[in-house]
Amino acid sequence: MMNKRISCYLNCLPVLLFTSCIFAASGEFSTLTYNIAGLPEIVSSAESHRLQATEQISCYINEFDIVNVQEDFNYHAALYDTCNHHDYRSPTSGGAGIGSGLNTLSHFPYEDWSRIRWSSCHGVDCLTPKGFTLARVQLQEGVYVDVYNLHAQAQTEPADLKARRENMLQLSQYIEIHSAGNAVIITGDTNTRYTRSGDNIREFIHRGFKDAWLTLIRDNDAPVSGADALVCHPPFTGSQCEIVDKVLYRDNGYLNLSAYTYEIRQDAKTSTDLDLSDHPPVEARWTYQTNDNWQFSPRIGGPHGIEFNDYALLPDQPSLSQISIRSGKRLDQLQLTLSNGETITHGANGGTRQSLAFNPGEYLTSATFCAGKWQNHTRIFYTRLTTNQSRSLSGGTQTDTCQTFDAPENWHITGFYGRSADEIDKVGVIYSPLRTIKASGANYAQMLNQASQLCLSTGETNLTEVDQQPCENSQKQLWHYDPRTGLLRNRNHPEYCLSNGGSFTDHAKLLMTSCTGNVNQQFTISSDGSVSMRTMPDFVIRPTGSTPGESIFLSSSKSLNIQRWQWQ
């Protein structure tokens, strides 16, 4: 059952001219991933009687806080109705041939439930709509983790391997868009092995994920691709036993997430000592703690639009210089302008624009939002944003469903998180400790390649292009690096960030994309002048050669001058 050791603590510390009470949340929880072999018994490879085994599984999984099941097809009622006590359970998508077999059962509430079908499949796997799901689990107020469940293409023929590689890329790309800036746990039947050269499970490691088996059992030493499979019958928890049921995770700097137990369970047996399924249940236990320099409010709104989270974009000590909204009957857009000149925008360009430029010493202290229904979607209809100087900005239409978020004493509102598309669909606020409010612009400088003596530059007309050009007095050659977020912005269009385009491979071409804070935009600048991917420090950026106009790409680090950049 849910671990009750969930705590918050308050410490009051002096922060420059203010005294700030610091709030942090911490706790523990457990997860279980379990392929429960729910195909009709006549075609099931499990040895035990499927209905009776599923009834026993219904009781077995109660002790785990978050449970992801796969192949929950024809015995779903037995799983949910026999003796299961989870308060939050996903609706079934149907039996074999109709549903995906993926469901999530949780002692924690969750929101924004999504079920996505694979774009690629092969053979018998195309007979049912396999794919992945997302549940945004609330561990505490304002503390969320995105939990993904998946069942990937099976078998190992070339067409199967190709489809499964495409499954992994589809999931990773979905996470980049829909879980940008969020902590994530992925569990499920991946049908992949690190030893199998035709699999690409390492794509997640390249994107900043950890594998609980690698971290806790193998000291982060992944098996060699192409080596003999680490087969084990029956499966057991050990360094020489790799199974296809994986547990992957990443934190986001705000929610520090750590797995402390990984176990292939041995106790899922019938009274006659048969396995309850043809896969073992895999348990992980977790601790978490939030960063005490930030707080997140609850959220109001609906599950539509695309997730956004300003935390991945904000500097270490953010302050605002202006707030802007666009509204008509509903709230179309929220925009923050930071004191360093950068802007963060959510929503689209409908409605009428209003702005409030902050006076010296002014900051945002309160935000009210109202939600309502429009075209059967819950959206944000109204906002009122208020500063410490009792000035406010408001727009939209008030409803009966409103919520006000007030900053704690000596904190202020510096960002938002929620969902948006053409309008604002869901929103909460991000608080930061109040420090001396001093507007200062971001420091921009040229990046001179030490070998070519040319400067990193964006394109003249195509905003996505990145190359090297003769150094000149031009905004397209001025760059700002934020060490907290890892983002590299260009002065010409600071809403764009340097990116590998989602390709974490040698010779991946760099380009400029809208700033999201995802790992494909996160870099580390070393003391020797090299600029590496934060999640892949062995890959650094470099030009093709020494000619103006040549593209910039990722390359394995070899301590060459062409891989070094000088700020000037």
Foldseek 3Di string as FASTA:
>chain_A
DADPPKDKDWDWDDFAPDIDIFIKIKDKFKEKEEAQQQAPPVPTPFPDDNQVLLLVCLVVCQVHAKYKYAQCADNVCSNPPNDHDFPDKDDFQYHFQGGQRIMMGHVFDWALKDDDFQPDADDPVVSHRFAKIWTFTDPDFQATEIEMEGAFQADDDLSSLVSLQSRVLVVVVLCCWFVQLAKYKYWYQSNDAQQAQSHVPCLVLLQAKDWCLCVAAVVVDGDHHVDDQLDDVPAWRHPSHDHRTTIIIHHRQFKDKDWDDWTQDCPSADPVRGHSGPGTMIMIMMMIMGDRQKGWHHKDFHSDAGWADCVLVAFPAWFFFKWKWFADQATAKTKTQTLQGDMDIFGADDHDMDMDGDDFPKAWFKKKWAWDDDPNGIATFKMWIAIPVGDIDIYHHHDPGMDMDGAPPQKGWRAWIQGYDNGGGMIITMIGGHHRDDRDHFAKWWKAQQPLRWTWFADPPDRWFIWTAHDDPDQRRIWGARQVLQWIATRVDRQWTWFLVSDSDAFRFITIDGDRSGQRRHWDQDPQQWIARPSCRQWTWFFPHNDGPTTIGIHGDDPDSRRGIDTD
